[in-house]
Amino acid sequence: MIATESQPSIKNHVYALIVLNMLDGILTYIGITSGFITEGNPLLSALSPLTILMGKLLLSLCLYGLLFTSFASIRSRLWRYGLIAANSLYSMILLLHLLWLYLLLL
């Protein structure tokens, strides 16, 4: 569903999600392998840190690929709000990563 030109495209939200997802994967990998944190997602907690990292990087690569399809030109409010919600959630997760990094440096 492509709406009017007055609504912004979702490209920037997808770019932000790519970066946030990659940062979460990298910081989670570092935190778990160093023993500073445990995986908080019960669906991922049974997986190895490397598997989690590879899954996150693959997801980011798939999201990047979407930018070169007609999906990137969607101007739907539903998609935009969904991406904003996902980015907000990842931002909160990154705040938790910053917290353990800060406590580690104390």
Protein backbone atom coordinates (compact mmCIF):
# COMPACT_ATOMS: atom_id res chain seq x y z
CA MET A 1 0.00 0.00 0.00
CA ILE A 2 1.59 3.23 -1.17
CA ALA A 3 -0.02 6.38 0.20
CA THR A 4 0.40 10.02 -0.67
CA GLU A 5 3.75 11.73 -1.03
CA SER A 6 3.09 13.77 2.13
CA GLN A 7 3.97 10.79 4.33
CA PRO A 8 7.69 10.13 4.68
CA SER A 9 9.22 6.94 3.34
CA ILE A 10 10.30 4.27 5.79
CA LYS A 11 13.92 4.13 4.61
CA ASN A 12 15.34 6.03 7.56
CA HIS A 13 13.48 3.80 10.01
CA VAL A 14 14.84 0.70 8.28
CA TYR A 15 18.40 2.11 8.33
CA ALA A 16 18.03 2.82 12.06
CA LEU A 17 16.74 -0.70 12.69
CA ILE A 18 19.72 -2.17 10.81
CA VAL A 19 22.21 -0.22 12.93
CA LEU A 20 20.41 -0.88 16.22
CA ASN A 21 20.10 -4.62 15.47
CA MET A 22 23.78 -4.91 14.55
CA LEU A 23 24.88 -3.03 17.67
CA ASP A 24 22.67 -5.24 19.82
CA GLY A 25 24.15 -8.37 18.26
CA ILE A 26 27.75 -7.23 18.65
CA LEU A 27 27.34 -5.97 22.22
CA THR A 28 25.38 -9.08 23.21
CA TYR A 29 28.14 -11.28 21.80
CA ILE A 30 30.82 -9.35 23.67
CA GLY A 31 28.84 -9.33 26.91
CA ILE A 32 27.97 -13.03 26.85
CA THR A 33 31.43 -14.27 25.82
CA SER A 34 33.02 -12.08 28.48
CA GLY A 35 30.62 -13.36 31.12
CA PHE A 36 29.25 -9.92 31.97
CA ILE A 37 25.68 -10.56 30.84
CA THR A 38 23.31 -13.36 29.93
CA GLU A 39 20.88 -13.41 27.02
CA GLY A 40 17.61 -11.92 28.21
CA ASN A 41 15.50 -13.22 25.32
CA PRO A 42 14.19 -16.66 26.33
CA LEU A 43 13.95 -17.69 22.66
CA LEU A 44 17.64 -16.99 22.10
CA SER A 45 19.06 -17.96 25.48
CA ALA A 46 19.58 -21.61 24.48
CA LEU A 47 21.71 -20.59 21.48
CA SER A 48 25.44 -20.00 21.49
CA PRO A 49 26.68 -16.38 21.45
CA LEU A 50 28.11 -16.88 17.95
CA THR A 51 24.78 -18.19 16.66
CA ILE A 52 22.99 -15.17 18.13
CA LEU A 53 25.52 -12.82 16.54
CA MET A 54 25.26 -14.51 13.14
CA GLY A 55 21.45 -14.42 13.32
CA LYS A 56 21.49 -10.71 14.13
CA LEU A 57 23.94 -9.96 11.32
CA LEU A 58 21.88 -12.03 8.87
CA LEU A 59 18.73 -10.16 9.90
CA SER A 60 20.51 -6.84 9.37
CA LEU A 61 21.68 -8.00 5.94
CA CYS A 62 18.11 -8.99 5.01
CA LEU A 63 16.80 -5.62 6.19
CA TYR A 64 19.49 -3.90 4.11
CA GLY A 65 18.36 -5.90 1.10
CA LEU A 66 14.81 -4.62 1.58
CA LEU A 67 16.07 -1.10 0.93
CA PHE A 68 16.61 -2.07 -2.71
CA THR A 69 13.09 -3.35 -3.26
CA SER A 70 9.75 -1.62 -3.61
CA PHE A 71 9.29 -2.12 0.14
CA ALA A 72 11.52 0.90 0.78
CA SER A 73 9.09 3.19 -1.03
CA ILE A 74 6.13 2.21 1.15
CA ARG A 75 4.63 5.23 2.86
CA SER A 76 2.21 3.40 5.10
CA ARG A 77 1.58 4.69 8.60
CA LEU A 78 1.24 1.13 9.88
CA TRP A 79 4.73 0.15 8.68
CA ARG A 80 6.21 3.43 9.89
CA TYR A 81 4.71 3.06 13.38
CA GLY A 82 5.76 -0.60 13.52
CA LEU A 83 9.34 0.34 12.67
CA ILE A 84 9.28 3.18 15.19
CA ALA A 85 8.12 0.70 17.85
CA ALA A 86 10.88 -1.76 16.91
CA ASN A 87 13.50 1.01 16.96
CA SER A 88 12.24 2.20 20.34
CA LEU A 89 12.51 -1.31 21.76
CA TYR A 90 16.04 -1.76 20.38
CA SER A 91 16.99 1.66 21.76
CA MET A 92 15.91 0.54 25.23
CA ILE A 93 17.92 -2.66 24.84
CA LEU A 94 20.96 -0.61 23.85
CA LEU A 95 20.48 1.48 26.99
CA LEU A 96 20.80 -1.76 28.97
CA HIS A 97 24.00 -2.53 27.07
CA LEU A 98 25.33 0.94 27.89
CA LEU A 99 24.47 0.32 31.55
CA TRP A 100 26.54 -2.88 31.80
CA LEU A 101 29.38 -1.23 29.88
CA TYR A 102 29.29 1.72 32.30
CA LEU A 103 29.22 -0.57 35.35
CA LEU A 104 32.11 -2.54 33.89
CA LEU A 105 34.22 0.61 33.65
CA LEU A 106 33.57 1.61 37.27
